[in-house]
Amino acid sequence: MTKLKVGPKGQVTLIKKIREKFGIEPGSLIEEIEVEDGILIKPIESSFKKWKRLKEKVSKKWPSEISSVQAIQEDRTK
């Protein structure tokens, strides 16, 4: 557990290890959520990052011997 100091404008600086682990960069959006015993700080994933993550998942499972265009064309002819 790391202790963070609150600055005069209510700002806190997350340690580098945490920022890197969760992909938080300057300009990233995060949300603060009130929980029963404190505050949860959670990164908001951009639409682009969501799309990129989905693309990576699909490309890992997609058979290499057929292109997506071929698959769509074959599906349409059924």
C-alpha atoms as a PDB file:
ATOM      1  CA  MET A   1       0.000   0.000   0.000  1.00  0.00           C
ATOM      2  CA  THR A   2       1.295   3.431  -0.917  1.00  0.00           C
ATOM      3  CA  LYS A   3       0.388   6.632   0.893  1.00  0.00           C
ATOM      4  CA  LEU A   4      -0.421   9.583  -1.336  1.00  0.00           C
ATOM      5  CA  LYS A   5      -0.379  13.232  -0.347  1.00  0.00           C
ATOM      6  CA  VAL A   6      -3.209  15.504  -1.449  1.00  0.00           C
ATOM      7  CA  GLY A   7      -1.991  18.754  -2.993  1.00  0.00           C
ATOM      8  CA  PRO A   8      -3.556  22.211  -2.516  1.00  0.00           C
ATOM      9  CA  LYS A   9      -5.978  21.697  -5.431  1.00  0.00           C
ATOM     10  CA  GLY A  10      -7.047  18.227  -4.271  1.00  0.00           C
ATOM     11  CA  GLN A  11      -4.685  16.486  -6.667  1.00  0.00           C
ATOM     12  CA  VAL A  12      -2.855  13.230  -5.983  1.00  0.00           C
ATOM     13  CA  THR A  13      -0.064  11.667  -8.018  1.00  0.00           C
ATOM     14  CA  LEU A  14      -0.342   7.957  -8.701  1.00  0.00           C
ATOM     15  CA  ILE A  15       2.932   6.057  -8.579  1.00  0.00           C
ATOM     16  CA  LYS A  16       4.501   5.083 -11.905  1.00  0.00           C
ATOM     17  CA  LYS A  17       4.032   1.338 -11.335  1.00  0.00           C
ATOM     18  CA  ILE A  18       0.249   1.777 -10.940  1.00  0.00           C
ATOM     19  CA  ARG A  19      -0.052   4.193 -13.892  1.00  0.00           C
ATOM     20  CA  GLU A  20       1.798   1.764 -16.154  1.00  0.00           C
ATOM     21  CA  LYS A  21      -0.141  -1.284 -14.929  1.00  0.00           C
ATOM     22  CA  PHE A  22      -3.493   0.339 -15.738  1.00  0.00           C
ATOM     23  CA  GLY A  23      -2.392   2.317 -18.817  1.00  0.00           C
ATOM     24  CA  ILE A  24      -2.957   5.712 -17.219  1.00  0.00           C
ATOM     25  CA  GLU A  25      -1.138   8.424 -19.166  1.00  0.00           C
ATOM     26  CA  PRO A  26      -1.283  12.225 -19.041  1.00  0.00           C
ATOM     27  CA  GLY A  27      -4.750  13.192 -20.250  1.00  0.00           C
ATOM     28  CA  SER A  28      -6.292   9.804 -19.421  1.00  0.00           C
ATOM     29  CA  LEU A  29      -9.717   9.897 -17.837  1.00  0.00           C
ATOM     30  CA  ILE A  30     -10.347   8.207 -14.511  1.00  0.00           C
ATOM     31  CA  GLU A  31     -13.438   7.986 -12.374  1.00  0.00           C
ATOM     32  CA  GLU A  32     -13.744   8.213  -8.628  1.00  0.00           C
ATOM     33  CA  ILE A  33     -16.325   6.009  -7.003  1.00  0.00           C
ATOM     34  CA  GLU A  34     -17.466   6.360  -3.409  1.00  0.00           C
ATOM     35  CA  VAL A  35     -17.418   3.020  -1.631  1.00  0.00           C
ATOM     36  CA  GLU A  36     -18.430   2.252   1.929  1.00  0.00           C
ATOM     37  CA  ASP A  37     -14.983   2.677   3.427  1.00  0.00           C
ATOM     38  CA  GLY A  38     -13.228   5.021   0.996  1.00  0.00           C
ATOM     39  CA  ILE A  39     -12.736   5.970  -2.630  1.00  0.00           C
ATOM     40  CA  LEU A  40     -12.133   3.725  -5.624  1.00  0.00           C
ATOM     41  CA  ILE A  41     -10.165   5.292  -8.478  1.00  0.00           C
ATOM     42  CA  LYS A  42     -10.741   3.496 -11.757  1.00  0.00           C
ATOM     43  CA  PRO A  43      -9.436   4.249 -15.274  1.00  0.00           C
ATOM     44  CA  ILE A  44     -12.035   4.925 -17.958  1.00  0.00           C
ATOM     45  CA  GLU A  45     -11.110   2.966 -21.054  1.00  0.00           C
ATOM     46  CA  SER A  46     -11.376   5.029 -24.236  1.00  0.00           C
ATOM     47  CA  SER A  47     -13.444   3.736 -27.142  1.00  0.00           C
ATOM     48  CA  PHE A  48     -10.259   3.337 -29.166  1.00  0.00           C
ATOM     49  CA  LYS A  49      -8.607   1.208 -26.469  1.00  0.00           C
ATOM     50  CA  LYS A  50     -11.751  -0.926 -26.163  1.00  0.00           C
ATOM     51  CA  TRP A  51     -11.791  -1.450 -29.932  1.00  0.00           C
ATOM     52  CA  LYS A  52      -8.075  -2.276 -29.965  1.00  0.00           C
ATOM     53  CA  ARG A  53      -8.474  -4.789 -27.104  1.00  0.00           C
ATOM     54  CA  LEU A  54     -11.419  -6.433 -28.876  1.00  0.00           C
ATOM     55  CA  LYS A  55      -9.474  -6.577 -32.141  1.00  0.00           C
ATOM     56  CA  GLU A  56      -6.564  -8.303 -30.378  1.00  0.00           C
ATOM     57  CA  LYS A  57      -8.902 -10.891 -28.837  1.00  0.00           C
ATOM     58  CA  VAL A  58     -10.595 -11.626 -32.161  1.00  0.00           C
ATOM     59  CA  SER A  59      -7.332 -11.818 -34.120  1.00  0.00           C
ATOM     60  CA  LYS A  60      -5.951 -14.410 -31.687  1.00  0.00           C
ATOM     61  CA  LYS A  61      -8.965 -16.666 -32.297  1.00  0.00           C
ATOM     62  CA  TRP A  62      -9.420 -15.972 -36.011  1.00  0.00           C
ATOM     63  CA  PRO A  63      -8.202 -18.825 -38.239  1.00  0.00           C
ATOM     64  CA  SER A  64      -5.152 -17.745 -40.228  1.00  0.00           C
ATOM     65  CA  GLU A  65      -6.133 -19.627 -43.385  1.00  0.00           C
ATOM     66  CA  ILE A  66      -9.169 -17.416 -44.137  1.00  0.00           C
ATOM     67  CA  SER A  67      -9.538 -13.638 -44.275  1.00  0.00           C
ATOM     68  CA  SER A  68     -12.432 -11.808 -42.684  1.00  0.00           C
ATOM     69  CA  VAL A  69     -13.603 -10.718 -46.149  1.00  0.00           C
ATOM     70  CA  GLN A  70     -13.674 -14.338 -47.344  1.00  0.00           C
ATOM     71  CA  ALA A  71     -15.594 -15.421 -44.236  1.00  0.00           C
ATOM     72  CA  ILE A  72     -18.223 -12.718 -44.763  1.00  0.00           C
ATOM     73  CA  GLN A  73     -18.572 -13.573 -48.457  1.00  0.00           C
ATOM     74  CA  GLU A  74     -18.966 -17.276 -47.665  1.00  0.00           C
ATOM     75  CA  ASP A  75     -21.503 -16.524 -44.954  1.00  0.00           C
ATOM     76  CA  ARG A  76     -23.563 -14.367 -47.319  1.00  0.00           C
ATOM     77  CA  THR A  77     -23.753 -17.138 -49.931  1.00  0.00           C
ATOM     78  CA  LYS A  78     -25.224 -19.639 -47.452  1.00  0.00           C
END
